[in-house]
Amino acid sequence: PTLNEERDLPELMASLAAQTFRDFE
């Protein structure tokens, strides 16, 4: 869930992009 998260969201997205497990949306 988000509301004006441009400061924090990129770091979460980066950690998701780095996941070794890939079967997710």
PDBML (XML) file of the C-alpha atoms, coordinates in Angstrom:
<?xml version="1.0" encoding="UTF-8" ?>
<PDBx:datablock datablockName="MODEL"
   xmlns:PDBx="http://pdbml.pdb.org/schema/pdbx-v50.xsd"
   xmlns:xsi="http://www.w3.org/2001/XMLSchema-instance"
   xsi:schemaLocation="http://pdbml.pdb.org/schema/pdbx-v50.xsd pdbx-v50.xsd">
   <PDBx:atom_siteCategory>
      <PDBx:atom_site id="1">
         <PDBx:B_iso_or_equiv>0.00</PDBx:B_iso_or_equiv>
         <PDBx:Cartn_x>0.000</PDBx:Cartn_x>
         <PDBx:Cartn_y>0.000</PDBx:Cartn_y>
         <PDBx:Cartn_z>0.000</PDBx:Cartn_z>
         <PDBx:auth_asym_id>A</PDBx:auth_asym_id>
         <PDBx:auth_atom_id>CA</PDBx:auth_atom_id>
         <PDBx:auth_comp_id>PRO</PDBx:auth_comp_id>
         <PDBx:auth_seq_id>1</PDBx:auth_seq_id>
         <PDBx:group_PDB>ATOM</PDBx:group_PDB>
         <PDBx:label_alt_id xsi:nil="true" />
         <PDBx:label_asym_id>A</PDBx:label_asym_id>
         <PDBx:label_atom_id>CA</PDBx:label_atom_id>
         <PDBx:label_comp_id>PRO</PDBx:label_comp_id>
         <PDBx:label_entity_id>1</PDBx:label_entity_id>
         <PDBx:label_seq_id>1</PDBx:label_seq_id>
         <PDBx:occupancy>1.00</PDBx:occupancy>
         <PDBx:pdbx_PDB_model_num>1</PDBx:pdbx_PDB_model_num>
         <PDBx:type_symbol>C</PDBx:type_symbol>
      </PDBx:atom_site>
      <PDBx:atom_site id="2">
         <PDBx:B_iso_or_equiv>0.00</PDBx:B_iso_or_equiv>
         <PDBx:Cartn_x>1.345</PDBx:Cartn_x>
         <PDBx:Cartn_y>3.459</PDBx:Cartn_y>
         <PDBx:Cartn_z>-0.859</PDBx:Cartn_z>
         <PDBx:auth_asym_id>A</PDBx:auth_asym_id>
         <PDBx:auth_atom_id>CA</PDBx:auth_atom_id>
         <PDBx:auth_comp_id>THR</PDBx:auth_comp_id>
         <PDBx:auth_seq_id>2</PDBx:auth_seq_id>
         <PDBx:group_PDB>ATOM</PDBx:group_PDB>
         <PDBx:label_alt_id xsi:nil="true" />
         <PDBx:label_asym_id>A</PDBx:label_asym_id>
         <PDBx:label_atom_id>CA</PDBx:label_atom_id>
         <PDBx:label_comp_id>THR</PDBx:label_comp_id>
         <PDBx:label_entity_id>1</PDBx:label_entity_id>
         <PDBx:label_seq_id>2</PDBx:label_seq_id>
         <PDBx:occupancy>1.00</PDBx:occupancy>
         <PDBx:pdbx_PDB_model_num>1</PDBx:pdbx_PDB_model_num>
         <PDBx:type_symbol>C</PDBx:type_symbol>
      </PDBx:atom_site>
      <PDBx:atom_site id="3">
         <PDBx:B_iso_or_equiv>0.00</PDBx:B_iso_or_equiv>
         <PDBx:Cartn_x>0.724</PDBx:Cartn_x>
         <PDBx:Cartn_y>7.169</PDBx:Cartn_y>
         <PDBx:Cartn_z>-0.482</PDBx:Cartn_z>
         <PDBx:auth_asym_id>A</PDBx:auth_asym_id>
         <PDBx:auth_atom_id>CA</PDBx:auth_atom_id>
         <PDBx:auth_comp_id>LEU</PDBx:auth_comp_id>
         <PDBx:auth_seq_id>3</PDBx:auth_seq_id>
         <PDBx:group_PDB>ATOM</PDBx:group_PDB>
         <PDBx:label_alt_id xsi:nil="true" />
         <PDBx:label_asym_id>A</PDBx:label_asym_id>
         <PDBx:label_atom_id>CA</PDBx:label_atom_id>
         <PDBx:label_comp_id>LEU</PDBx:label_comp_id>
         <PDBx:label_entity_id>1</PDBx:label_entity_id>
         <PDBx:label_seq_id>3</PDBx:label_seq_id>
         <PDBx:occupancy>1.00</PDBx:occupancy>
         <PDBx:pdbx_PDB_model_num>1</PDBx:pdbx_PDB_model_num>
         <PDBx:type_symbol>C</PDBx:type_symbol>
      </PDBx:atom_site>
      <PDBx:atom_site id="4">
         <PDBx:B_iso_or_equiv>0.00</PDBx:B_iso_or_equiv>
         <PDBx:Cartn_x>3.486</PDBx:Cartn_x>
         <PDBx:Cartn_y>9.549</PDBx:Cartn_y>
         <PDBx:Cartn_z>-1.577</PDBx:Cartn_z>
         <PDBx:auth_asym_id>A</PDBx:auth_asym_id>
         <PDBx:auth_atom_id>CA</PDBx:auth_atom_id>
         <PDBx:auth_comp_id>ASN</PDBx:auth_comp_id>
         <PDBx:auth_seq_id>4</PDBx:auth_seq_id>
         <PDBx:group_PDB>ATOM</PDBx:group_PDB>
         <PDBx:label_alt_id xsi:nil="true" />
         <PDBx:label_asym_id>A</PDBx:label_asym_id>
         <PDBx:label_atom_id>CA</PDBx:label_atom_id>
         <PDBx:label_comp_id>ASN</PDBx:label_comp_id>
         <PDBx:label_entity_id>1</PDBx:label_entity_id>
         <PDBx:label_seq_id>4</PDBx:label_seq_id>
         <PDBx:occupancy>1.00</PDBx:occupancy>
         <PDBx:pdbx_PDB_model_num>1</PDBx:pdbx_PDB_model_num>
         <PDBx:type_symbol>C</PDBx:type_symbol>
      </PDBx:atom_site>
      <PDBx:atom_site id="5">
         <PDBx:B_iso_or_equiv>0.00</PDBx:B_iso_or_equiv>
         <PDBx:Cartn_x>6.306</PDBx:Cartn_x>
         <PDBx:Cartn_y>7.049</PDBx:Cartn_y>
         <PDBx:Cartn_z>-1.166</PDBx:Cartn_z>
         <PDBx:auth_asym_id>A</PDBx:auth_asym_id>
         <PDBx:auth_atom_id>CA</PDBx:auth_atom_id>
         <PDBx:auth_comp_id>GLU</PDBx:auth_comp_id>
         <PDBx:auth_seq_id>5</PDBx:auth_seq_id>
         <PDBx:group_PDB>ATOM</PDBx:group_PDB>
         <PDBx:label_alt_id xsi:nil="true" />
         <PDBx:label_asym_id>A</PDBx:label_asym_id>
         <PDBx:label_atom_id>CA</PDBx:label_atom_id>
         <PDBx:label_comp_id>GLU</PDBx:label_comp_id>
         <PDBx:label_entity_id>1</PDBx:label_entity_id>
         <PDBx:label_seq_id>5</PDBx:label_seq_id>
         <PDBx:occupancy>1.00</PDBx:occupancy>
         <PDBx:pdbx_PDB_model_num>1</PDBx:pdbx_PDB_model_num>
         <PDBx:type_symbol>C</PDBx:type_symbol>
      </PDBx:atom_site>
      <PDBx:atom_site id="6">
         <PDBx:B_iso_or_equiv>0.00</PDBx:B_iso_or_equiv>
         <PDBx:Cartn_x>8.785</PDBx:Cartn_x>
         <PDBx:Cartn_y>8.332</PDBx:Cartn_y>
         <PDBx:Cartn_z>-3.760</PDBx:Cartn_z>
         <PDBx:auth_asym_id>A</PDBx:auth_asym_id>
         <PDBx:auth_atom_id>CA</PDBx:auth_atom_id>
         <PDBx:auth_comp_id>GLU</PDBx:auth_comp_id>
         <PDBx:auth_seq_id>6</PDBx:auth_seq_id>
         <PDBx:group_PDB>ATOM</PDBx:group_PDB>
         <PDBx:label_alt_id xsi:nil="true" />
         <PDBx:label_asym_id>A</PDBx:label_asym_id>
         <PDBx:label_atom_id>CA</PDBx:label_atom_id>
         <PDBx:label_comp_id>GLU</PDBx:label_comp_id>
         <PDBx:label_entity_id>1</PDBx:label_entity_id>
         <PDBx:label_seq_id>6</PDBx:label_seq_id>
         <PDBx:occupancy>1.00</PDBx:occupancy>
         <PDBx:pdbx_PDB_model_num>1</PDBx:pdbx_PDB_model_num>
         <PDBx:type_symbol>C</PDBx:type_symbol>
      </PDBx:atom_site>
      <PDBx:atom_site id="7">
         <PDBx:B_iso_or_equiv>0.00</PDBx:B_iso_or_equiv>
         <PDBx:Cartn_x>11.515</PDBx:Cartn_x>
         <PDBx:Cartn_y>8.601</PDBx:Cartn_y>
         <PDBx:Cartn_z>-1.127</PDBx:Cartn_z>
         <PDBx:auth_asym_id>A</PDBx:auth_asym_id>
         <PDBx:auth_atom_id>CA</PDBx:auth_atom_id>
         <PDBx:auth_comp_id>ARG</PDBx:auth_comp_id>
         <PDBx:auth_seq_id>7</PDBx:auth_seq_id>
         <PDBx:group_PDB>ATOM</PDBx:group_PDB>
         <PDBx:label_alt_id xsi:nil="true" />
         <PDBx:label_asym_id>A</PDBx:label_asym_id>
         <PDBx:label_atom_id>CA</PDBx:label_atom_id>
         <PDBx:label_comp_id>ARG</PDBx:label_comp_id>
         <PDBx:label_entity_id>1</PDBx:label_entity_id>
         <PDBx:label_seq_id>7</PDBx:label_seq_id>
         <PDBx:occupancy>1.00</PDBx:occupancy>
         <PDBx:pdbx_PDB_model_num>1</PDBx:pdbx_PDB_model_num>
         <PDBx:type_symbol>C</PDBx:type_symbol>
      </PDBx:atom_site>
      <PDBx:atom_site id="8">
         <PDBx:B_iso_or_equiv>0.00</PDBx:B_iso_or_equiv>
         <PDBx:Cartn_x>11.364</PDBx:Cartn_x>
         <PDBx:Cartn_y>5.049</PDBx:Cartn_y>
         <PDBx:Cartn_z>0.267</PDBx:Cartn_z>
         <PDBx:auth_asym_id>A</PDBx:auth_asym_id>
         <PDBx:auth_atom_id>CA</PDBx:auth_atom_id>
         <PDBx:auth_comp_id>ASP</PDBx:auth_comp_id>
         <PDBx:auth_seq_id>8</PDBx:auth_seq_id>
         <PDBx:group_PDB>ATOM</PDBx:group_PDB>
         <PDBx:label_alt_id xsi:nil="true" />
         <PDBx:label_asym_id>A</PDBx:label_asym_id>
         <PDBx:label_atom_id>CA</PDBx:label_atom_id>
         <PDBx:label_comp_id>ASP</PDBx:label_comp_id>
         <PDBx:label_entity_id>1</PDBx:label_entity_id>
         <PDBx:label_seq_id>8</PDBx:label_seq_id>
         <PDBx:occupancy>1.00</PDBx:occupancy>
         <PDBx:pdbx_PDB_model_num>1</PDBx:pdbx_PDB_model_num>
         <PDBx:type_symbol>C</PDBx:type_symbol>
      </PDBx:atom_site>
      <PDBx:atom_site id="9">
         <PDBx:B_iso_or_equiv>0.00</PDBx:B_iso_or_equiv>
         <PDBx:Cartn_x>9.813</PDBx:Cartn_x>
         <PDBx:Cartn_y>2.943</PDBx:Cartn_y>
         <PDBx:Cartn_z>-2.493</PDBx:Cartn_z>
         <PDBx:auth_asym_id>A</PDBx:auth_asym_id>
         <PDBx:auth_atom_id>CA</PDBx:auth_atom_id>
         <PDBx:auth_comp_id>LEU</PDBx:auth_comp_id>
         <PDBx:auth_seq_id>9</PDBx:auth_seq_id>
         <PDBx:group_PDB>ATOM</PDBx:group_PDB>
         <PDBx:label_alt_id xsi:nil="true" />
         <PDBx:label_asym_id>A</PDBx:label_asym_id>
         <PDBx:label_atom_id>CA</PDBx:label_atom_id>
         <PDBx:label_comp_id>LEU</PDBx:label_comp_id>
         <PDBx:label_entity_id>1</PDBx:label_entity_id>
         <PDBx:label_seq_id>9</PDBx:label_seq_id>
         <PDBx:occupancy>1.00</PDBx:occupancy>
         <PDBx:pdbx_PDB_model_num>1</PDBx:pdbx_PDB_model_num>
         <PDBx:type_symbol>C</PDBx:type_symbol>
      </PDBx:atom_site>
      <PDBx:atom_site id="10">
         <PDBx:B_iso_or_equiv>0.00</PDBx:B_iso_or_equiv>
         <PDBx:Cartn_x>12.920</PDBx:Cartn_x>
         <PDBx:Cartn_y>2.855</PDBx:Cartn_y>
         <PDBx:Cartn_z>-4.759</PDBx:Cartn_z>
         <PDBx:auth_asym_id>A</PDBx:auth_asym_id>
         <PDBx:auth_atom_id>CA</PDBx:auth_atom_id>
         <PDBx:auth_comp_id>PRO</PDBx:auth_comp_id>
         <PDBx:auth_seq_id>10</PDBx:auth_seq_id>
         <PDBx:group_PDB>ATOM</PDBx:group_PDB>
         <PDBx:label_alt_id xsi:nil="true" />
         <PDBx:label_asym_id>A</PDBx:label_asym_id>
         <PDBx:label_atom_id>CA</PDBx:label_atom_id>
         <PDBx:label_comp_id>PRO</PDBx:label_comp_id>
         <PDBx:label_entity_id>1</PDBx:label_entity_id>
         <PDBx:label_seq_id>10</PDBx:label_seq_id>
         <PDBx:occupancy>1.00</PDBx:occupancy>
         <PDBx:pdbx_PDB_model_num>1</PDBx:pdbx_PDB_model_num>
         <PDBx:type_symbol>C</PDBx:type_symbol>
      </PDBx:atom_site>
      <PDBx:atom_site id="11">
         <PDBx:B_iso_or_equiv>0.00</PDBx:B_iso_or_equiv>
         <PDBx:Cartn_x>14.955</PDBx:Cartn_x>
         <PDBx:Cartn_y>1.039</PDBx:Cartn_y>
         <PDBx:Cartn_z>-2.111</PDBx:Cartn_z>
         <PDBx:auth_asym_id>A</PDBx:auth_asym_id>
         <PDBx:auth_atom_id>CA</PDBx:auth_atom_id>
         <PDBx:auth_comp_id>GLU</PDBx:auth_comp_id>
         <PDBx:auth_seq_id>11</PDBx:auth_seq_id>
         <PDBx:group_PDB>ATOM</PDBx:group_PDB>
         <PDBx:label_alt_id xsi:nil="true" />
         <PDBx:label_asym_id>A</PDBx:label_asym_id>
         <PDBx:label_atom_id>CA</PDBx:label_atom_id>
         <PDBx:label_comp_id>GLU</PDBx:label_comp_id>
         <PDBx:label_entity_id>1</PDBx:label_entity_id>
         <PDBx:label_seq_id>11</PDBx:label_seq_id>
         <PDBx:occupancy>1.00</PDBx:occupancy>
         <PDBx:pdbx_PDB_model_num>1</PDBx:pdbx_PDB_model_num>
         <PDBx:type_symbol>C</PDBx:type_symbol>
      </PDBx:atom_site>
      <PDBx:atom_site id="12">
         <PDBx:B_iso_or_equiv>0.00</PDBx:B_iso_or_equiv>
         <PDBx:Cartn_x>12.300</PDBx:Cartn_x>
         <PDBx:Cartn_y>-1.634</PDBx:Cartn_y>
         <PDBx:Cartn_z>-1.653</PDBx:Cartn_z>
         <PDBx:auth_asym_id>A</PDBx:auth_asym_id>
         <PDBx:auth_atom_id>CA</PDBx:auth_atom_id>
         <PDBx:auth_comp_id>LEU</PDBx:auth_comp_id>
         <PDBx:auth_seq_id>12</PDBx:auth_seq_id>
         <PDBx:group_PDB>ATOM</PDBx:group_PDB>
         <PDBx:label_alt_id xsi:nil="true" />
         <PDBx:label_asym_id>A</PDBx:label_asym_id>
         <PDBx:label_atom_id>CA</PDBx:label_atom_id>
         <PDBx:label_comp_id>LEU</PDBx:label_comp_id>
         <PDBx:label_entity_id>1</PDBx:label_entity_id>
         <PDBx:label_seq_id>12</PDBx:label_seq_id>
         <PDBx:occupancy>1.00</PDBx:occupancy>
         <PDBx:pdbx_PDB_model_num>1</PDBx:pdbx_PDB_model_num>
         <PDBx:type_symbol>C</PDBx:type_symbol>
      </PDBx:atom_site>
      <PDBx:atom_site id="13">
         <PDBx:B_iso_or_equiv>0.00</PDBx:B_iso_or_equiv>
         <PDBx:Cartn_x>12.003</PDBx:Cartn_x>
         <PDBx:Cartn_y>-2.021</PDBx:Cartn_y>
         <PDBx:Cartn_z>-5.417</PDBx:Cartn_z>
         <PDBx:auth_asym_id>A</PDBx:auth_asym_id>
         <PDBx:auth_atom_id>CA</PDBx:auth_atom_id>
         <PDBx:auth_comp_id>MET</PDBx:auth_comp_id>
         <PDBx:auth_seq_id>13</PDBx:auth_seq_id>
         <PDBx:group_PDB>ATOM</PDBx:group_PDB>
         <PDBx:label_alt_id xsi:nil="true" />
         <PDBx:label_asym_id>A</PDBx:label_asym_id>
         <PDBx:label_atom_id>CA</PDBx:label_atom_id>
         <PDBx:label_comp_id>MET</PDBx:label_comp_id>
         <PDBx:label_entity_id>1</PDBx:label_entity_id>
         <PDBx:label_seq_id>13</PDBx:label_seq_id>
         <PDBx:occupancy>1.00</PDBx:occupancy>
         <PDBx:pdbx_PDB_model_num>1</PDBx:pdbx_PDB_model_num>
         <PDBx:type_symbol>C</PDBx:type_symbol>
      </PDBx:atom_site>
      <PDBx:atom_site id="14">
         <PDBx:B_iso_or_equiv>0.00</PDBx:B_iso_or_equiv>
         <PDBx:Cartn_x>15.769</PDBx:Cartn_x>
         <PDBx:Cartn_y>-2.376</PDBx:Cartn_y>
         <PDBx:Cartn_z>-5.708</PDBx:Cartn_z>
         <PDBx:auth_asym_id>A</PDBx:auth_asym_id>
         <PDBx:auth_atom_id>CA</PDBx:auth_atom_id>
         <PDBx:auth_comp_id>ALA</PDBx:auth_comp_id>
         <PDBx:auth_seq_id>14</PDBx:auth_seq_id>
         <PDBx:group_PDB>ATOM</PDBx:group_PDB>
         <PDBx:label_alt_id xsi:nil="true" />
         <PDBx:label_asym_id>A</PDBx:label_asym_id>
         <PDBx:label_atom_id>CA</PDBx:label_atom_id>
         <PDBx:label_comp_id>ALA</PDBx:label_comp_id>
         <PDBx:label_entity_id>1</PDBx:label_entity_id>
         <PDBx:label_seq_id>14</PDBx:label_seq_id>
         <PDBx:occupancy>1.00</PDBx:occupancy>
         <PDBx:pdbx_PDB_model_num>1</PDBx:pdbx_PDB_model_num>
         <PDBx:type_symbol>C</PDBx:type_symbol>
      </PDBx:atom_site>
      <PDBx:atom_site id="15">
         <PDBx:B_iso_or_equiv>0.00</PDBx:B_iso_or_equiv>
         <PDBx:Cartn_x>15.795</PDBx:Cartn_x>
         <PDBx:Cartn_y>-5.109</PDBx:Cartn_y>
         <PDBx:Cartn_z>-3.068</PDBx:Cartn_z>
         <PDBx:auth_asym_id>A</PDBx:auth_asym_id>
         <PDBx:auth_atom_id>CA</PDBx:auth_atom_id>
         <PDBx:auth_comp_id>SER</PDBx:auth_comp_id>
         <PDBx:auth_seq_id>15</PDBx:auth_seq_id>
         <PDBx:group_PDB>ATOM</PDBx:group_PDB>
         <PDBx:label_alt_id xsi:nil="true" />
         <PDBx:label_asym_id>A</PDBx:label_asym_id>
         <PDBx:label_atom_id>CA</PDBx:label_atom_id>
         <PDBx:label_comp_id>SER</PDBx:label_comp_id>
         <PDBx:label_entity_id>1</PDBx:label_entity_id>
         <PDBx:label_seq_id>15</PDBx:label_seq_id>
         <PDBx:occupancy>1.00</PDBx:occupancy>
         <PDBx:pdbx_PDB_model_num>1</PDBx:pdbx_PDB_model_num>
         <PDBx:type_symbol>C</PDBx:type_symbol>
      </PDBx:atom_site>
      <PDBx:atom_site id="16">
         <PDBx:B_iso_or_equiv>0.00</PDBx:B_iso_or_equiv>
         <PDBx:Cartn_x>12.980</PDBx:Cartn_x>
         <PDBx:Cartn_y>-6.918</PDBx:Cartn_y>
         <PDBx:Cartn_z>-4.907</PDBx:Cartn_z>
         <PDBx:auth_asym_id>A</PDBx:auth_asym_id>
         <PDBx:auth_atom_id>CA</PDBx:auth_atom_id>
         <PDBx:auth_comp_id>LEU</PDBx:auth_comp_id>
         <PDBx:auth_seq_id>16</PDBx:auth_seq_id>
         <PDBx:group_PDB>ATOM</PDBx:group_PDB>
         <PDBx:label_alt_id xsi:nil="true" />
         <PDBx:label_asym_id>A</PDBx:label_asym_id>
         <PDBx:label_atom_id>CA</PDBx:label_atom_id>
         <PDBx:label_comp_id>LEU</PDBx:label_comp_id>
         <PDBx:label_entity_id>1</PDBx:label_entity_id>
         <PDBx:label_seq_id>16</PDBx:label_seq_id>
         <PDBx:occupancy>1.00</PDBx:occupancy>
         <PDBx:pdbx_PDB_model_num>1</PDBx:pdbx_PDB_model_num>
         <PDBx:type_symbol>C</PDBx:type_symbol>
      </PDBx:atom_site>
      <PDBx:atom_site id="17">
         <PDBx:B_iso_or_equiv>0.00</PDBx:B_iso_or_equiv>
         <PDBx:Cartn_x>14.866</PDBx:Cartn_x>
         <PDBx:Cartn_y>-6.683</PDBx:Cartn_y>
         <PDBx:Cartn_z>-8.198</PDBx:Cartn_z>
         <PDBx:auth_asym_id>A</PDBx:auth_asym_id>
         <PDBx:auth_atom_id>CA</PDBx:auth_atom_id>
         <PDBx:auth_comp_id>ALA</PDBx:auth_comp_id>
         <PDBx:auth_seq_id>17</PDBx:auth_seq_id>
         <PDBx:group_PDB>ATOM</PDBx:group_PDB>
         <PDBx:label_alt_id xsi:nil="true" />
         <PDBx:label_asym_id>A</PDBx:label_asym_id>
         <PDBx:label_atom_id>CA</PDBx:label_atom_id>
         <PDBx:label_comp_id>ALA</PDBx:label_comp_id>
         <PDBx:label_entity_id>1</PDBx:label_entity_id>
         <PDBx:label_seq_id>17</PDBx:label_seq_id>
         <PDBx:occupancy>1.00</PDBx:occupancy>
         <PDBx:pdbx_PDB_model_num>1</PDBx:pdbx_PDB_model_num>
         <PDBx:type_symbol>C</PDBx:type_symbol>
      </PDBx:atom_site>
      <PDBx:atom_site id="18">
         <PDBx:B_iso_or_equiv>0.00</PDBx:B_iso_or_equiv>
         <PDBx:Cartn_x>17.854</PDBx:Cartn_x>
         <PDBx:Cartn_y>-8.321</PDBx:Cartn_y>
         <PDBx:Cartn_z>-6.488</PDBx:Cartn_z>
         <PDBx:auth_asym_id>A</PDBx:auth_asym_id>
         <PDBx:auth_atom_id>CA</PDBx:auth_atom_id>
         <PDBx:auth_comp_id>ALA</PDBx:auth_comp_id>
         <PDBx:auth_seq_id>18</PDBx:auth_seq_id>
         <PDBx:group_PDB>ATOM</PDBx:group_PDB>
         <PDBx:label_alt_id xsi:nil="true" />
         <PDBx:label_asym_id>A</PDBx:label_asym_id>
         <PDBx:label_atom_id>CA</PDBx:label_atom_id>
         <PDBx:label_comp_id>ALA</PDBx:label_comp_id>
         <PDBx:label_entity_id>1</PDBx:label_entity_id>
         <PDBx:label_seq_id>18</PDBx:label_seq_id>
         <PDBx:occupancy>1.00</PDBx:occupancy>
         <PDBx:pdbx_PDB_model_num>1</PDBx:pdbx_PDB_model_num>
         <PDBx:type_symbol>C</PDBx:type_symbol>
      </PDBx:atom_site>
      <PDBx:atom_site id="19">
         <PDBx:B_iso_or_equiv>0.00</PDBx:B_iso_or_equiv>
         <PDBx:Cartn_x>15.897</PDBx:Cartn_x>
         <PDBx:Cartn_y>-11.332</PDBx:Cartn_y>
         <PDBx:Cartn_z>-5.190</PDBx:Cartn_z>
         <PDBx:auth_asym_id>A</PDBx:auth_asym_id>
         <PDBx:auth_atom_id>CA</PDBx:auth_atom_id>
         <PDBx:auth_comp_id>GLN</PDBx:auth_comp_id>
         <PDBx:auth_seq_id>19</PDBx:auth_seq_id>
         <PDBx:group_PDB>ATOM</PDBx:group_PDB>
         <PDBx:label_alt_id xsi:nil="true" />
         <PDBx:label_asym_id>A</PDBx:label_asym_id>
         <PDBx:label_atom_id>CA</PDBx:label_atom_id>
         <PDBx:label_comp_id>GLN</PDBx:label_comp_id>
         <PDBx:label_entity_id>1</PDBx:label_entity_id>
         <PDBx:label_seq_id>19</PDBx:label_seq_id>
         <PDBx:occupancy>1.00</PDBx:occupancy>
         <PDBx:pdbx_PDB_model_num>1</PDBx:pdbx_PDB_model_num>
         <PDBx:type_symbol>C</PDBx:type_symbol>
      </PDBx:atom_site>
      <PDBx:atom_site id="20">
         <PDBx:B_iso_or_equiv>0.00</PDBx:B_iso_or_equiv>
         <PDBx:Cartn_x>17.305</PDBx:Cartn_x>
         <PDBx:Cartn_y>-14.735</PDBx:Cartn_y>
         <PDBx:Cartn_z>-6.087</PDBx:Cartn_z>
         <PDBx:auth_asym_id>A</PDBx:auth_asym_id>
         <PDBx:auth_atom_id>CA</PDBx:auth_atom_id>
         <PDBx:auth_comp_id>THR</PDBx:auth_comp_id>
         <PDBx:auth_seq_id>20</PDBx:auth_seq_id>
         <PDBx:group_PDB>ATOM</PDBx:group_PDB>
         <PDBx:label_alt_id xsi:nil="true" />
         <PDBx:label_asym_id>A</PDBx:label_asym_id>
         <PDBx:label_atom_id>CA</PDBx:label_atom_id>
         <PDBx:label_comp_id>THR</PDBx:label_comp_id>
         <PDBx:label_entity_id>1</PDBx:label_entity_id>
         <PDBx:label_seq_id>20</PDBx:label_seq_id>
         <PDBx:occupancy>1.00</PDBx:occupancy>
         <PDBx:pdbx_PDB_model_num>1</PDBx:pdbx_PDB_model_num>
         <PDBx:type_symbol>C</PDBx:type_symbol>
      </PDBx:atom_site>
      <PDBx:atom_site id="21">
         <PDBx:B_iso_or_equiv>0.00</PDBx:B_iso_or_equiv>
         <PDBx:Cartn_x>13.737</PDBx:Cartn_x>
         <PDBx:Cartn_y>-16.134</PDBx:Cartn_y>
         <PDBx:Cartn_z>-6.155</PDBx:Cartn_z>
         <PDBx:auth_asym_id>A</PDBx:auth_asym_id>
         <PDBx:auth_atom_id>CA</PDBx:auth_atom_id>
         <PDBx:auth_comp_id>PHE</PDBx:auth_comp_id>
         <PDBx:auth_seq_id>21</PDBx:auth_seq_id>
         <PDBx:group_PDB>ATOM</PDBx:group_PDB>
         <PDBx:label_alt_id xsi:nil="true" />
         <PDBx:label_asym_id>A</PDBx:label_asym_id>
         <PDBx:label_atom_id>CA</PDBx:label_atom_id>
         <PDBx:label_comp_id>PHE</PDBx:label_comp_id>
         <PDBx:label_entity_id>1</PDBx:label_entity_id>
         <PDBx:label_seq_id>21</PDBx:label_seq_id>
         <PDBx:occupancy>1.00</PDBx:occupancy>
         <PDBx:pdbx_PDB_model_num>1</PDBx:pdbx_PDB_model_num>
         <PDBx:type_symbol>C</PDBx:type_symbol>
      </PDBx:atom_site>
      <PDBx:atom_site id="22">
         <PDBx:B_iso_or_equiv>0.00</PDBx:B_iso_or_equiv>
         <PDBx:Cartn_x>11.912</PDBx:Cartn_x>
         <PDBx:Cartn_y>-14.792</PDBx:Cartn_y>
         <PDBx:Cartn_z>-9.217</PDBx:Cartn_z>
         <PDBx:auth_asym_id>A</PDBx:auth_asym_id>
         <PDBx:auth_atom_id>CA</PDBx:auth_atom_id>
         <PDBx:auth_comp_id>ARG</PDBx:auth_comp_id>
         <PDBx:auth_seq_id>22</PDBx:auth_seq_id>
         <PDBx:group_PDB>ATOM</PDBx:group_PDB>
         <PDBx:label_alt_id xsi:nil="true" />
         <PDBx:label_asym_id>A</PDBx:label_asym_id>
         <PDBx:label_atom_id>CA</PDBx:label_atom_id>
         <PDBx:label_comp_id>ARG</PDBx:label_comp_id>
         <PDBx:label_entity_id>1</PDBx:label_entity_id>
         <PDBx:label_seq_id>22</PDBx:label_seq_id>
         <PDBx:occupancy>1.00</PDBx:occupancy>
         <PDBx:pdbx_PDB_model_num>1</PDBx:pdbx_PDB_model_num>
         <PDBx:type_symbol>C</PDBx:type_symbol>
      </PDBx:atom_site>
      <PDBx:atom_site id="23">
         <PDBx:B_iso_or_equiv>0.00</PDBx:B_iso_or_equiv>
         <PDBx:Cartn_x>8.418</PDBx:Cartn_x>
         <PDBx:Cartn_y>-16.352</PDBx:Cartn_y>
         <PDBx:Cartn_z>-9.285</PDBx:Cartn_z>
         <PDBx:auth_asym_id>A</PDBx:auth_asym_id>
         <PDBx:auth_atom_id>CA</PDBx:auth_atom_id>
         <PDBx:auth_comp_id>ASP</PDBx:auth_comp_id>
         <PDBx:auth_seq_id>23</PDBx:auth_seq_id>
         <PDBx:group_PDB>ATOM</PDBx:group_PDB>
         <PDBx:label_alt_id xsi:nil="true" />
         <PDBx:label_asym_id>A</PDBx:label_asym_id>
         <PDBx:label_atom_id>CA</PDBx:label_atom_id>
         <PDBx:label_comp_id>ASP</PDBx:label_comp_id>
         <PDBx:label_entity_id>1</PDBx:label_entity_id>
         <PDBx:label_seq_id>23</PDBx:label_seq_id>
         <PDBx:occupancy>1.00</PDBx:occupancy>
         <PDBx:pdbx_PDB_model_num>1</PDBx:pdbx_PDB_model_num>
         <PDBx:type_symbol>C</PDBx:type_symbol>
      </PDBx:atom_site>
      <PDBx:atom_site id="24">
         <PDBx:B_iso_or_equiv>0.00</PDBx:B_iso_or_equiv>
         <PDBx:Cartn_x>6.589</PDBx:Cartn_x>
         <PDBx:Cartn_y>-13.293</PDBx:Cartn_y>
         <PDBx:Cartn_z>-7.986</PDBx:Cartn_z>
         <PDBx:auth_asym_id>A</PDBx:auth_asym_id>
         <PDBx:auth_atom_id>CA</PDBx:auth_atom_id>
         <PDBx:auth_comp_id>PHE</PDBx:auth_comp_id>
         <PDBx:auth_seq_id>24</PDBx:auth_seq_id>
         <PDBx:group_PDB>ATOM</PDBx:group_PDB>
         <PDBx:label_alt_id xsi:nil="true" />
         <PDBx:label_asym_id>A</PDBx:label_asym_id>
         <PDBx:label_atom_id>CA</PDBx:label_atom_id>
         <PDBx:label_comp_id>PHE</PDBx:label_comp_id>
         <PDBx:label_entity_id>1</PDBx:label_entity_id>
         <PDBx:label_seq_id>24</PDBx:label_seq_id>
         <PDBx:occupancy>1.00</PDBx:occupancy>
         <PDBx:pdbx_PDB_model_num>1</PDBx:pdbx_PDB_model_num>
         <PDBx:type_symbol>C</PDBx:type_symbol>
      </PDBx:atom_site>
      <PDBx:atom_site id="25">
         <PDBx:B_iso_or_equiv>0.00</PDBx:B_iso_or_equiv>
         <PDBx:Cartn_x>4.531</PDBx:Cartn_x>
         <PDBx:Cartn_y>-10.307</PDBx:Cartn_y>
         <PDBx:Cartn_z>-9.031</PDBx:Cartn_z>
         <PDBx:auth_asym_id>A</PDBx:auth_asym_id>
         <PDBx:auth_atom_id>CA</PDBx:auth_atom_id>
         <PDBx:auth_comp_id>GLU</PDBx:auth_comp_id>
         <PDBx:auth_seq_id>25</PDBx:auth_seq_id>
         <PDBx:group_PDB>ATOM</PDBx:group_PDB>
         <PDBx:label_alt_id xsi:nil="true" />
         <PDBx:label_asym_id>A</PDBx:label_asym_id>
         <PDBx:label_atom_id>CA</PDBx:label_atom_id>
         <PDBx:label_comp_id>GLU</PDBx:label_comp_id>
         <PDBx:label_entity_id>1</PDBx:label_entity_id>
         <PDBx:label_seq_id>25</PDBx:label_seq_id>
         <PDBx:occupancy>1.00</PDBx:occupancy>
         <PDBx:pdbx_PDB_model_num>1</PDBx:pdbx_PDB_model_num>
         <PDBx:type_symbol>C</PDBx:type_symbol>
      </PDBx:atom_site>
   </PDBx:atom_siteCategory>
</PDBx:datablock>
